[in-house]
Amino acid sequence: MYREMLKAKIHRATVTEANVDYEGSIKIDANLLKAARILVGEKVLVINLNNGSRVETYAILGKPGAGEISVNGGAALHSKVGDKVIIMNFCMLDESELPKYKPIIVHVNDRNQAV
């Protein structure tokens, strides 16, 4: 049996841009993507802590060290600059993998830098 498990989480990032005119996705600082081991194009779930919305989209590459968290397209209707978000993605694991499994949790400061 397989279980869907949290693979990675970027915890309490601050939205730096909300651009409804962009095609879609969420632009995430390249350093945060690397720390969370989230790939460009990989599906993510964005939870907005200010309004409770939950939006699925995919990650795109932001400039390293810029602290970008840009919510784009229709997802931008659920976030505004300054909102706090949790960005998560998931994986499927066989039950035999669970005893060794540990998700990646990336905590960030107010400038969206890993701490």
Protein backbone atom coordinates (compact mmCIF):
# COMPACT_ATOMS: atom_id res chain seq x y z
CA MET A 1 0.00 0.00 0.00
CA TYR A 2 1.18 3.50 -0.80
CA ARG A 3 0.63 6.55 1.38
CA GLU A 4 0.62 10.16 0.23
CA MET A 5 3.01 12.03 2.52
CA LEU A 6 4.31 15.55 2.93
CA LYS A 7 7.56 15.75 0.96
CA ALA A 8 8.52 19.37 1.64
CA LYS A 9 7.19 22.56 3.15
CA ILE A 10 8.30 26.19 2.98
CA HIS A 11 6.80 27.56 6.18
CA ARG A 12 5.38 31.10 6.58
CA ALA A 13 6.82 32.69 3.46
CA THR A 14 5.69 36.23 2.67
CA VAL A 15 4.00 36.96 -0.67
CA THR A 16 6.04 39.58 -2.53
CA GLU A 17 3.86 39.83 -5.64
CA ALA A 18 0.39 38.76 -6.81
CA ASN A 19 0.10 38.99 -10.60
CA VAL A 20 -3.25 37.88 -12.00
CA ASP A 21 -2.17 38.69 -15.59
CA TYR A 22 0.57 36.04 -15.53
CA GLU A 23 -0.31 32.66 -17.05
CA GLY A 24 -0.15 30.79 -13.75
CA SER A 25 2.13 29.25 -11.15
CA ILE A 26 4.07 30.51 -8.15
CA LYS A 27 7.55 31.98 -8.54
CA ILE A 28 9.76 30.90 -5.63
CA ASP A 29 13.28 32.08 -4.81
CA ALA A 30 15.69 29.51 -6.29
CA ASN A 31 17.44 29.11 -2.93
CA LEU A 32 14.17 28.09 -1.27
CA LEU A 33 13.34 25.65 -4.06
CA LYS A 34 16.75 24.06 -3.61
CA ALA A 35 16.43 23.89 0.19
CA ALA A 36 13.00 22.26 -0.10
CA ARG A 37 14.06 20.06 -3.03
CA ILE A 38 11.08 21.25 -5.03
CA LEU A 39 11.64 21.07 -8.80
CA VAL A 40 10.65 23.70 -11.34
CA GLY A 41 7.29 22.58 -12.70
CA GLU A 42 6.50 20.44 -9.67
CA LYS A 43 2.99 20.66 -8.23
CA VAL A 44 2.64 22.58 -4.97
CA LEU A 45 -0.19 23.40 -2.60
CA VAL A 46 -0.23 27.02 -1.38
CA ILE A 47 -2.06 27.69 1.88
CA ASN A 48 -2.71 31.35 2.61
CA LEU A 49 -2.58 31.93 6.38
CA ASN A 50 -4.33 35.31 6.07
CA ASN A 51 -7.50 34.12 4.35
CA GLY A 52 -7.45 30.31 4.59
CA SER A 53 -7.38 29.67 0.82
CA ARG A 54 -5.73 26.52 -0.53
CA VAL A 55 -4.57 26.63 -4.16
CA GLU A 56 -2.77 24.01 -6.24
CA THR A 57 -0.30 25.28 -8.82
CA TYR A 58 3.28 24.58 -9.92
CA ALA A 59 6.64 26.07 -9.01
CA ILE A 60 8.67 28.32 -11.29
CA LEU A 61 12.17 29.58 -10.73
CA GLY A 62 12.75 32.87 -8.96
CA LYS A 63 16.04 34.73 -8.76
CA PRO A 64 18.37 33.22 -6.12
CA GLY A 65 18.48 35.30 -2.95
CA ALA A 66 15.79 37.75 -4.11
CA GLY A 67 13.20 36.37 -1.69
CA GLU A 68 10.55 36.19 -4.40
CA ILE A 69 7.23 34.55 -3.64
CA SER A 70 5.07 35.64 -6.56
CA VAL A 71 1.61 34.12 -6.77
CA ASN A 72 0.45 34.27 -10.39
CA GLY A 73 -2.61 33.75 -12.57
CA GLY A 74 -5.88 32.77 -10.94
CA ALA A 75 -4.06 31.91 -7.71
CA ALA A 76 -3.21 35.61 -7.39
CA LEU A 77 -6.89 36.22 -6.61
CA HIS A 78 -6.32 34.34 -3.35
CA SER A 79 -3.24 36.24 -2.14
CA LYS A 80 -1.98 39.77 -1.76
CA VAL A 81 1.45 41.22 -1.09
CA GLY A 82 2.38 40.70 2.55
CA ASP A 83 0.23 37.60 3.10
CA LYS A 84 1.89 34.67 4.85
CA VAL A 85 1.75 31.35 3.00
CA ILE A 86 2.81 27.75 3.46
CA ILE A 87 4.01 26.07 0.27
CA MET A 88 3.86 22.27 0.37
CA ASN A 89 4.28 19.34 -1.93
CA PHE A 90 3.72 15.65 -1.47
CA CYS A 91 5.06 12.26 -2.50
CA MET A 92 3.86 8.68 -2.59
CA LEU A 93 5.70 6.23 -0.36
CA ASP A 94 5.41 2.52 0.12
CA GLU A 95 4.68 1.61 3.74
CA SER A 96 8.11 -0.03 3.94
CA GLU A 97 9.69 3.43 3.38
CA LEU A 98 7.80 5.14 6.20
CA PRO A 99 10.03 4.22 9.18
CA LYS A 100 12.99 6.09 7.61
CA TYR A 101 10.95 8.91 6.11
CA LYS A 102 11.25 12.53 7.21
CA PRO A 103 9.79 15.53 5.33
CA ILE A 104 11.86 18.62 4.55
CA ILE A 105 10.72 21.69 6.48
CA VAL A 106 12.18 25.05 5.45
CA HIS A 107 11.48 27.91 7.85
CA VAL A 108 11.98 31.42 6.48
CA ASN A 109 12.47 34.89 7.92
CA ASP A 110 10.53 38.01 6.88
CA ARG A 111 12.77 38.37 3.78
CA ASN A 112 11.99 34.80 2.65
CA GLN A 113 15.45 33.52 3.44
CA ALA A 114 15.86 30.07 4.97
CA VAL A 115 16.73 30.15 8.67
